[in-house]
Amino acid sequence: MAKAPTTRVDKLLSSMGYGSRNEIKQMAKAGGITLDAAEIRDVTKRIPLTSDLTGRMEINGKALDPVAGMVILLNKPLGITCSHKEDGALVYDLLPERWRRRTPAISTVGRLDKQTSGLLLLTDDGDLLHRIISPKHCIKKTYRAKLARPLDGTEGALFASGQLMLNHETKPLAPAELEVVSETEVLVHVTEGRYHQVRRMFAATGNHVEDLHRERLGGLSLAENMPPGQWELLGEAQIDLIFQHVGGSARTE
């Protein structure tokens, strides 16, 4: 078994957003850092980065945050922006404040526009982020769309054709699947993540999306009772669900 890497306590906690190294030092002097119920006073001490560290270490009486590699599932509300820099309410405002100081930084896995709600992942794992958004993996994303006008019956075949060209683009969309819920409500399954893709798909048919909500990413879905703005940390089994349902040939219903 490979030996776990080690790191200094102050370096670890500073990278996790708990404060500057000097602030971590003062926290330790006050007895705020424990490992296996024993106080750590010397923050230059090196400790192993083991998988069970979160359950063994406490900061001011609370369990240590997950170390690098956390994945967060958020039910994104309307009116919130997926950005670090834009003005107004940001998705990062919904997370613990110290998480905005973590290194590596937490980033959204793709983006949902300000007026789209639903399933959004955030992570500090760059390799996982790129694996999820990579076009070669064709991970299926499911959106529930409510439309301004009734369907005319041609949309399913058009979306599935692989021939739909969006305005100002030179490459047609990959085949997408349409499930009809009612004449003005549908589920759309896409494997790409182009800018405002679902809205632009319906705009190409002369319709307008009034409400858009992402329900599923691969085999991972939002719990029905998860309110907007709530988040949870995902375990390995939940992360694996993302890759269980990848896109294939589209079909119409």
C-alpha atoms as a PDB file:
ATOM      1  CA  MET A   1       0.000   0.000   0.000  1.00  0.00           C
ATOM      2  CA  ALA A   2       1.360   3.406  -0.971  1.00  0.00           C
ATOM      3  CA  LYS A   3       2.280   5.690   1.866  1.00  0.00           C
ATOM      4  CA  ALA A   4      -0.011   8.702   2.270  1.00  0.00           C
ATOM      5  CA  PRO A   5       1.600  12.063   1.435  1.00  0.00           C
ATOM      6  CA  THR A   6       2.102  14.477   4.303  1.00  0.00           C
ATOM      7  CA  THR A   7       1.604  18.211   4.649  1.00  0.00           C
ATOM      8  CA  ARG A   8       2.076  20.915   7.243  1.00  0.00           C
ATOM      9  CA  VAL A   9      -1.039  21.698   9.266  1.00  0.00           C
ATOM     10  CA  ASP A  10      -0.859  25.443   8.561  1.00  0.00           C
ATOM     11  CA  LYS A  11      -0.393  24.902   4.832  1.00  0.00           C
ATOM     12  CA  LEU A  12      -3.309  22.480   4.665  1.00  0.00           C
ATOM     13  CA  LEU A  13      -5.767  24.623   6.608  1.00  0.00           C
ATOM     14  CA  SER A  14      -4.764  27.805   4.816  1.00  0.00           C
ATOM     15  CA  SER A  15      -5.350  26.129   1.429  1.00  0.00           C
ATOM     16  CA  MET A  16      -8.794  25.067   2.662  1.00  0.00           C
ATOM     17  CA  GLY A  17      -9.789  28.656   3.441  1.00  0.00           C
ATOM     18  CA  TYR A  18      -9.607  28.558   7.233  1.00  0.00           C
ATOM     19  CA  GLY A  19      -7.374  31.611   7.333  1.00  0.00           C
ATOM     20  CA  SER A  20      -3.846  32.847   6.746  1.00  0.00           C
ATOM     21  CA  ARG A  21      -0.972  30.832   8.174  1.00  0.00           C
ATOM     22  CA  ASN A  22      -0.663  33.342  10.993  1.00  0.00           C
ATOM     23  CA  GLU A  23      -4.381  33.022  11.746  1.00  0.00           C
ATOM     24  CA  ILE A  24      -4.042  29.227  11.753  1.00  0.00           C
ATOM     25  CA  LYS A  25      -1.161  29.587  14.223  1.00  0.00           C
ATOM     26  CA  GLN A  26      -3.297  31.698  16.546  1.00  0.00           C
ATOM     27  CA  MET A  27      -6.170  29.228  16.242  1.00  0.00           C
ATOM     28  CA  ALA A  28      -3.861  26.412  17.325  1.00  0.00           C
ATOM     29  CA  LYS A  29      -2.612  28.400  20.321  1.00  0.00           C
ATOM     30  CA  ALA A  30      -6.215  28.807  21.414  1.00  0.00           C
ATOM     31  CA  GLY A  31      -6.741  25.032  21.244  1.00  0.00           C
ATOM     32  CA  GLY A  32      -8.956  25.187  18.170  1.00  0.00           C
ATOM     33  CA  ILE A  33      -7.256  22.412  16.183  1.00  0.00           C
ATOM     34  CA  THR A  34      -7.466  18.765  17.223  1.00  0.00           C
ATOM     35  CA  LEU A  35      -6.487  15.498  15.601  1.00  0.00           C
ATOM     36  CA  ASP A  36      -7.773  12.265  17.101  1.00  0.00           C
ATOM     37  CA  ALA A  37      -9.061  14.402  20.007  1.00  0.00           C
ATOM     38  CA  ALA A  38      -5.545  15.680  20.790  1.00  0.00           C
ATOM     39  CA  GLU A  39      -4.784  19.382  20.425  1.00  0.00           C
ATOM     40  CA  ILE A  40      -2.282  20.425  17.781  1.00  0.00           C
ATOM     41  CA  ARG A  41      -0.262  23.397  19.021  1.00  0.00           C
ATOM     42  CA  ASP A  42       2.584  23.264  16.508  1.00  0.00           C
ATOM     43  CA  VAL A  43       1.106  24.056  13.087  1.00  0.00           C
ATOM     44  CA  THR A  44       4.412  23.267  11.357  1.00  0.00           C
ATOM     45  CA  LYS A  45       3.771  19.618  12.205  1.00  0.00           C
ATOM     46  CA  ARG A  46       3.339  17.393   9.167  1.00  0.00           C
ATOM     47  CA  ILE A  47       0.342  15.067   9.088  1.00  0.00           C
ATOM     48  CA  PRO A  48      -0.616  12.338   6.598  1.00  0.00           C
ATOM     49  CA  LEU A  49      -3.311  13.275   4.065  1.00  0.00           C
ATOM     50  CA  THR A  50      -5.401  10.155   4.624  1.00  0.00           C
ATOM     51  CA  SER A  51      -8.915   9.582   3.339  1.00  0.00           C
ATOM     52  CA  ASP A  52     -10.300   9.546   6.892  1.00  0.00           C
ATOM     53  CA  LEU A  53      -8.805  12.895   7.925  1.00  0.00           C
ATOM     54  CA  THR A  54     -12.182  14.673   7.832  1.00  0.00           C
ATOM     55  CA  GLY A  55     -13.488  12.284  10.478  1.00  0.00           C
ATOM     56  CA  ARG A  56     -10.411  12.605  12.690  1.00  0.00           C
ATOM     57  CA  MET A  57      -9.639  16.317  12.646  1.00  0.00           C
ATOM     58  CA  GLU A  58     -11.740  19.143  14.106  1.00  0.00           C
ATOM     59  CA  ILE A  59     -11.489  22.903  13.698  1.00  0.00           C
ATOM     60  CA  ASN A  60     -13.061  24.888  16.527  1.00  0.00           C
ATOM     61  CA  GLY A  61     -15.131  21.863  17.489  1.00  0.00           C
ATOM     62  CA  LYS A  62     -16.402  21.101  13.975  1.00  0.00           C
ATOM     63  CA  ALA A  63     -15.325  18.382  11.574  1.00  0.00           C
ATOM     64  CA  LEU A  64     -12.678  19.362   9.067  1.00  0.00           C
ATOM     65  CA  ASP A  65     -14.023  20.232   5.630  1.00  0.00           C
ATOM     66  CA  PRO A  66     -13.321  17.718   2.852  1.00  0.00           C
ATOM     67  CA  VAL A  67      -9.790  18.032   1.535  1.00  0.00           C
ATOM     68  CA  ALA A  68      -9.088  18.558  -2.169  1.00  0.00           C
ATOM     69  CA  GLY A  69     -11.383  16.586  -4.448  1.00  0.00           C
ATOM     70  CA  MET A  70     -14.781  17.675  -3.116  1.00  0.00           C
ATOM     71  CA  VAL A  71     -17.810  17.567  -5.408  1.00  0.00           C
ATOM     72  CA  ILE A  72     -20.886  19.618  -4.538  1.00  0.00           C
ATOM     73  CA  LEU A  73     -24.392  19.110  -5.902  1.00  0.00           C
ATOM     74  CA  LEU A  74     -26.415  22.327  -5.833  1.00  0.00           C
ATOM     75  CA  ASN A  75     -30.028  22.982  -6.758  1.00  0.00           C
ATOM     76  CA  LYS A  76     -29.353  26.307  -8.449  1.00  0.00           C
ATOM     77  CA  PRO A  77     -32.114  28.890  -7.940  1.00  0.00           C
ATOM     78  CA  LEU A  78     -33.248  31.349 -10.581  1.00  0.00           C
ATOM     79  CA  GLY A  79     -31.477  34.703 -10.652  1.00  0.00           C
ATOM     80  CA  ILE A  80     -28.104  33.324  -9.509  1.00  0.00           C
ATOM     81  CA  THR A  81     -25.036  33.596 -11.759  1.00  0.00           C
ATOM     82  CA  CYS A  82     -22.386  30.896 -12.292  1.00  0.00           C
ATOM     83  CA  SER A  83     -19.407  33.205 -12.030  1.00  0.00           C
ATOM     84  CA  HIS A  84     -16.609  34.264  -9.702  1.00  0.00           C
ATOM     85  CA  LYS A  85     -16.506  37.847 -10.937  1.00  0.00           C
ATOM     86  CA  GLU A  86     -19.885  39.172 -12.106  1.00  0.00           C
ATOM     87  CA  ASP A  87     -21.987  41.564 -10.063  1.00  0.00           C
ATOM     88  CA  GLY A  88     -25.047  40.357  -8.198  1.00  0.00           C
ATOM     89  CA  ALA A  89     -25.845  37.042  -6.519  1.00  0.00           C
ATOM     90  CA  LEU A  90     -23.430  34.232  -7.338  1.00  0.00           C
ATOM     91  CA  VAL A  91     -23.703  30.477  -6.819  1.00  0.00           C
ATOM     92  CA  TYR A  92     -20.606  30.656  -4.612  1.00  0.00           C
ATOM     93  CA  ASP A  93     -22.529  32.871  -2.167  1.00  0.00           C
ATOM     94  CA  LEU A  94     -24.635  29.810  -1.317  1.00  0.00           C
ATOM     95  CA  LEU A  95     -21.592  27.893  -0.008  1.00  0.00           C
ATOM     96  CA  PRO A  96     -19.624  28.409   3.219  1.00  0.00           C
ATOM     97  CA  GLU A  97     -17.717  31.664   2.944  1.00  0.00           C
ATOM     98  CA  ARG A  98     -14.329  30.088   3.598  1.00  0.00           C
ATOM     99  CA  TRP A  99     -14.742  27.789   0.587  1.00  0.00           C
ATOM    100  CA  ARG A 100     -14.243  30.805  -1.670  1.00  0.00           C
ATOM    101  CA  ARG A 101     -10.661  30.987  -0.383  1.00  0.00           C
ATOM    102  CA  ARG A 102      -9.766  27.361  -1.120  1.00  0.00           C
ATOM    103  CA  THR A 103      -6.805  26.433  -3.305  1.00  0.00           C
ATOM    104  CA  PRO A 104      -7.348  24.947  -5.804  1.00  0.00           C
ATOM    105  CA  ALA A 105     -10.497  27.003  -6.267  1.00  0.00           C
ATOM    106  CA  ILE A 106     -13.982  25.542  -6.450  1.00  0.00           C
ATOM    107  CA  SER A 107     -15.490  26.006  -9.919  1.00  0.00           C
ATOM    108  CA  THR A 108     -18.798  25.146 -11.537  1.00  0.00           C
ATOM    109  CA  VAL A 109     -18.858  22.125 -13.836  1.00  0.00           C
ATOM    110  CA  GLY A 110     -20.208  23.910 -16.875  1.00  0.00           C
ATOM    111  CA  ARG A 111     -22.684  26.714 -16.361  1.00  0.00           C
ATOM    112  CA  LEU A 112     -26.407  27.327 -16.090  1.00  0.00           C
ATOM    113  CA  ASP A 113     -27.505  30.774 -17.194  1.00  0.00           C
ATOM    114  CA  LYS A 114     -29.039  33.192 -14.725  1.00  0.00           C
ATOM    115  CA  GLN A 115     -32.608  32.276 -15.658  1.00  0.00           C
ATOM    116  CA  THR A 116     -32.066  28.503 -15.645  1.00  0.00           C
ATOM    117  CA  SER A 117     -32.470  26.528 -12.425  1.00  0.00           C
ATOM    118  CA  GLY A 118     -31.619  23.035 -11.309  1.00  0.00           C
ATOM    119  CA  LEU A 119     -28.767  20.582 -11.019  1.00  0.00           C
ATOM    120  CA  LEU A 120     -25.346  22.191 -10.898  1.00  0.00           C
ATOM    121  CA  LEU A 121     -22.078  20.581  -9.862  1.00  0.00           C
ATOM    122  CA  LEU A 122     -19.111  22.413  -8.364  1.00  0.00           C
ATOM    123  CA  THR A 123     -15.693  20.933  -7.684  1.00  0.00           C
ATOM    124  CA  ASP A 124     -12.057  21.700  -6.973  1.00  0.00           C
ATOM    125  CA  ASP A 125     -11.017  18.585  -8.908  1.00  0.00           C
ATOM    126  CA  GLY A 126      -9.885  19.872 -12.294  1.00  0.00           C
ATOM    127  CA  ASP A 127      -9.437  16.407 -13.813  1.00  0.00           C
ATOM    128  CA  LEU A 128     -12.981  15.394 -12.874  1.00  0.00           C
ATOM    129  CA  LEU A 129     -14.377  18.697 -14.149  1.00  0.00           C
ATOM    130  CA  HIS A 130     -12.815  18.210 -17.572  1.00  0.00           C
ATOM    131  CA  ARG A 131     -13.857  14.569 -17.677  1.00  0.00           C
ATOM    132  CA  ILE A 132     -17.492  15.547 -17.149  1.00  0.00           C
ATOM    133  CA  ILE A 133     -17.587  18.383 -19.674  1.00  0.00           C
ATOM    134  CA  SER A 134     -15.441  16.667 -22.312  1.00  0.00           C
ATOM    135  CA  PRO A 135     -17.442  16.168 -25.534  1.00  0.00           C
ATOM    136  CA  LYS A 136     -15.909  12.725 -26.016  1.00  0.00           C
ATOM    137  CA  HIS A 137     -17.780  11.377 -22.984  1.00  0.00           C
ATOM    138  CA  CYS A 138     -21.198  12.471 -24.316  1.00  0.00           C
ATOM    139  CA  ILE A 139     -22.727  12.735 -20.853  1.00  0.00           C
ATOM    140  CA  LYS A 140     -26.458  13.244 -21.192  1.00  0.00           C
ATOM    141  CA  LYS A 141     -28.051  16.311 -19.604  1.00  0.00           C
ATOM    142  CA  THR A 142     -31.819  16.424 -19.078  1.00  0.00           C
ATOM    143  CA  TYR A 143     -33.761  19.684 -19.007  1.00  0.00           C
ATOM    144  CA  ARG A 144     -37.436  20.327 -18.331  1.00  0.00           C
ATOM    145  CA  ALA A 145     -38.646  23.184 -20.522  1.00  0.00           C
ATOM    146  CA  LYS A 146     -41.951  25.030 -20.426  1.00  0.00           C
ATOM    147  CA  LEU A 147     -42.814  26.681 -23.721  1.00  0.00           C
ATOM    148  CA  ALA A 148     -44.651  29.825 -24.714  1.00  0.00           C
ATOM    149  CA  ARG A 149     -46.550  28.068 -27.521  1.00  0.00           C
ATOM    150  CA  PRO A 150     -47.740  24.505 -28.156  1.00  0.00           C
ATOM    151  CA  LEU A 151     -45.480  22.107 -30.020  1.00  0.00           C
ATOM    152  CA  ASP A 152     -46.220  21.650 -33.701  1.00  0.00           C
ATOM    153  CA  GLY A 153     -45.128  17.999 -33.784  1.00  0.00           C
ATOM    154  CA  THR A 154     -41.988  18.431 -35.891  1.00  0.00           C
ATOM    155  CA  GLU A 155     -39.565  19.237 -33.076  1.00  0.00           C
ATOM    156  CA  GLY A 156     -38.685  15.683 -32.039  1.00  0.00           C
ATOM    157  CA  ALA A 157     -37.559  14.617 -35.498  1.00  0.00           C
ATOM    158  CA  LEU A 158     -35.641  17.858 -36.024  1.00  0.00           C
ATOM    159  CA  PHE A 159     -33.771  17.586 -32.735  1.00  0.00           C
ATOM    160  CA  ALA A 160     -32.958  13.908 -33.366  1.00  0.00           C
ATOM    161  CA  SER A 161     -31.741  14.481 -36.907  1.00  0.00           C
ATOM    162  CA  GLY A 162     -28.293  15.798 -36.102  1.00  0.00           C
ATOM    163  CA  GLN A 163     -28.903  18.448 -38.761  1.00  0.00           C
ATOM    164  CA  LEU A 164     -30.188  21.347 -36.681  1.00  0.00           C
ATOM    165  CA  MET A 165     -27.948  24.369 -37.149  1.00  0.00           C
ATOM    166  CA  LEU A 166     -28.139  27.178 -34.606  1.00  0.00           C
ATOM    167  CA  ASN A 167     -27.762  30.809 -35.645  1.00  0.00           C
ATOM    168  CA  HIS A 168     -24.164  32.044 -35.927  1.00  0.00           C
ATOM    169  CA  GLU A 169     -22.734  28.502 -35.758  1.00  0.00           C
ATOM    170  CA  THR A 170     -21.086  26.405 -38.440  1.00  0.00           C
ATOM    171  CA  LYS A 171     -21.541  22.916 -36.994  1.00  0.00           C
ATOM    172  CA  PRO A 172     -24.926  21.228 -36.554  1.00  0.00           C
ATOM    173  CA  LEU A 173     -26.033  20.007 -33.148  1.00  0.00           C
ATOM    174  CA  ALA A 174     -25.530  16.410 -32.134  1.00  0.00           C
ATOM    175  CA  PRO A 175     -28.773  14.408 -32.058  1.00  0.00           C
ATOM    176  CA  ALA A 176     -30.958  15.225 -29.052  1.00  0.00           C
ATOM    177  CA  GLU A 177     -33.972  13.463 -27.594  1.00  0.00           C
ATOM    178  CA  LEU A 178     -37.346  15.067 -26.950  1.00  0.00           C
ATOM    179  CA  GLU A 179     -39.934  13.672 -24.517  1.00  0.00           C
ATOM    180  CA  VAL A 180     -43.338  15.320 -24.659  1.00  0.00           C
ATOM    181  CA  VAL A 181     -44.971  15.914 -21.284  1.00  0.00           C
ATOM    182  CA  SER A 182     -47.728  18.153 -22.601  1.00  0.00           C
ATOM    183  CA  GLU A 183     -48.186  20.409 -25.599  1.00  0.00           C
ATOM    184  CA  THR A 184     -46.220  23.139 -23.794  1.00  0.00           C
ATOM    185  CA  GLU A 185     -43.905  21.112 -21.545  1.00  0.00           C
ATOM    186  CA  VAL A 186     -41.082  18.794 -22.572  1.00  0.00           C
ATOM    187  CA  LEU A 187     -37.978  16.985 -21.397  1.00  0.00           C
ATOM    188  CA  VAL A 188     -34.944  17.541 -23.599  1.00  0.00           C
ATOM    189  CA  HIS A 189     -31.904  15.256 -23.425  1.00  0.00           C
ATOM    190  CA  VAL A 190     -28.713  16.722 -24.909  1.00  0.00           C
ATOM    191  CA  THR A 191     -25.086  15.609 -24.880  1.00  0.00           C
ATOM    192  CA  GLU A 192     -23.526  18.978 -25.691  1.00  0.00           C
ATOM    193  CA  GLY A 193     -23.262  22.163 -23.678  1.00  0.00           C
ATOM    194  CA  ARG A 194     -23.442  24.971 -26.186  1.00  0.00           C
ATOM    195  CA  TYR A 195     -24.340  28.493 -25.128  1.00  0.00           C
ATOM    196  CA  HIS A 196     -28.069  28.692 -24.265  1.00  0.00           C
ATOM    197  CA  GLN A 197     -28.471  25.505 -26.282  1.00  0.00           C
ATOM    198  CA  VAL A 198     -31.983  24.384 -25.320  1.00  0.00           C
ATOM    199  CA  ARG A 199     -33.390  27.897 -25.579  1.00  0.00           C
ATOM    200  CA  ARG A 200     -31.824  28.336 -29.010  1.00  0.00           C
ATOM    201  CA  MET A 201     -33.090  24.938 -30.187  1.00  0.00           C
ATOM    202  CA  PHE A 202     -36.662  25.982 -29.572  1.00  0.00           C
ATOM    203  CA  ALA A 203     -36.037  29.459 -30.957  1.00  0.00           C
ATOM    204  CA  ALA A 204     -35.035  27.715 -34.201  1.00  0.00           C
ATOM    205  CA  THR A 205     -38.534  26.181 -34.312  1.00  0.00           C
ATOM    206  CA  GLY A 206     -40.224  29.533 -33.727  1.00  0.00           C
ATOM    207  CA  ASN A 207     -40.978  28.854 -30.067  1.00  0.00           C
ATOM    208  CA  HIS A 208     -39.751  30.392 -26.822  1.00  0.00           C
ATOM    209  CA  VAL A 209     -38.644  28.702 -23.591  1.00  0.00           C
ATOM    210  CA  GLU A 210     -40.317  30.427 -20.656  1.00  0.00           C
ATOM    211  CA  ASP A 211     -38.899  28.212 -17.908  1.00  0.00           C
ATOM    212  CA  LEU A 212     -35.882  25.908 -17.954  1.00  0.00           C
ATOM    213  CA  HIS A 213     -34.738  23.521 -15.224  1.00  0.00           C
ATOM    214  CA  ARG A 214     -31.954  20.924 -15.374  1.00  0.00           C
ATOM    215  CA  GLU A 215     -33.066  17.708 -13.696  1.00  0.00           C
ATOM    216  CA  ARG A 216     -30.330  15.198 -14.450  1.00  0.00           C
ATOM    217  CA  LEU A 217     -26.671  14.859 -15.385  1.00  0.00           C
ATOM    218  CA  GLY A 218     -25.849  11.365 -16.604  1.00  0.00           C
ATOM    219  CA  GLY A 219     -27.419   9.081 -14.005  1.00  0.00           C
ATOM    220  CA  LEU A 220     -27.316  11.706 -11.247  1.00  0.00           C
ATOM    221  CA  SER A 221     -30.522  13.597 -10.488  1.00  0.00           C
ATOM    222  CA  LEU A 222     -31.819  16.113  -7.985  1.00  0.00           C
ATOM    223  CA  ALA A 223     -33.897  14.799  -5.101  1.00  0.00           C
ATOM    224  CA  GLU A 224     -37.514  15.906  -5.491  1.00  0.00           C
ATOM    225  CA  ASN A 225     -37.522  17.427  -2.008  1.00  0.00           C
ATOM    226  CA  MET A 226     -34.276  19.392  -2.432  1.00  0.00           C
ATOM    227  CA  PRO A 227     -35.210  23.087  -2.254  1.00  0.00           C
ATOM    228  CA  PRO A 228     -33.579  25.741  -4.453  1.00  0.00           C
ATOM    229  CA  GLY A 229     -30.309  26.965  -2.976  1.00  0.00           C
ATOM    230  CA  GLN A 230     -29.625  23.766  -1.022  1.00  0.00           C
ATOM    231  CA  TRP A 231     -26.424  21.810  -1.638  1.00  0.00           C
ATOM    232  CA  GLU A 232     -24.847  18.519  -0.591  1.00  0.00           C
ATOM    233  CA  LEU A 233     -21.423  16.906  -0.831  1.00  0.00           C
ATOM    234  CA  LEU A 234     -21.313  13.876  -3.101  1.00  0.00           C
ATOM    235  CA  GLY A 235     -19.685  10.559  -2.292  1.00  0.00           C
ATOM    236  CA  GLU A 236     -17.872   8.343  -4.771  1.00  0.00           C
ATOM    237  CA  ALA A 237     -20.957   6.263  -5.554  1.00  0.00           C
ATOM    238  CA  GLN A 238     -22.938   9.382  -6.448  1.00  0.00           C
ATOM    239  CA  ILE A 239     -20.100  10.721  -8.594  1.00  0.00           C
ATOM    240  CA  ASP A 240     -19.965   7.402 -10.436  1.00  0.00           C
ATOM    241  CA  LEU A 241     -23.648   7.850 -11.365  1.00  0.00           C
ATOM    242  CA  ILE A 242     -22.693  10.763 -13.614  1.00  0.00           C
ATOM    243  CA  PHE A 243     -20.906   8.381 -15.969  1.00  0.00           C
ATOM    244  CA  GLN A 244     -23.498   5.587 -15.962  1.00  0.00           C
ATOM    245  CA  HIS A 245     -25.770   7.139 -18.581  1.00  0.00           C
ATOM    246  CA  VAL A 246     -23.980   8.579 -21.555  1.00  0.00           C
ATOM    247  CA  GLY A 247     -25.563   9.852 -24.721  1.00  0.00           C
ATOM    248  CA  GLY A 248     -26.090   7.658 -27.729  1.00  0.00           C
ATOM    249  CA  SER A 249     -28.338   7.870 -30.723  1.00  0.00           C
ATOM    250  CA  ALA A 250     -31.378  10.042 -30.105  1.00  0.00           C
ATOM    251  CA  ARG A 251     -34.954   8.892 -30.473  1.00  0.00           C
ATOM    252  CA  THR A 252     -38.242  10.735 -30.551  1.00  0.00           C
ATOM    253  CA  GLU A 253     -41.329  10.052 -28.552  1.00  0.00           C
END
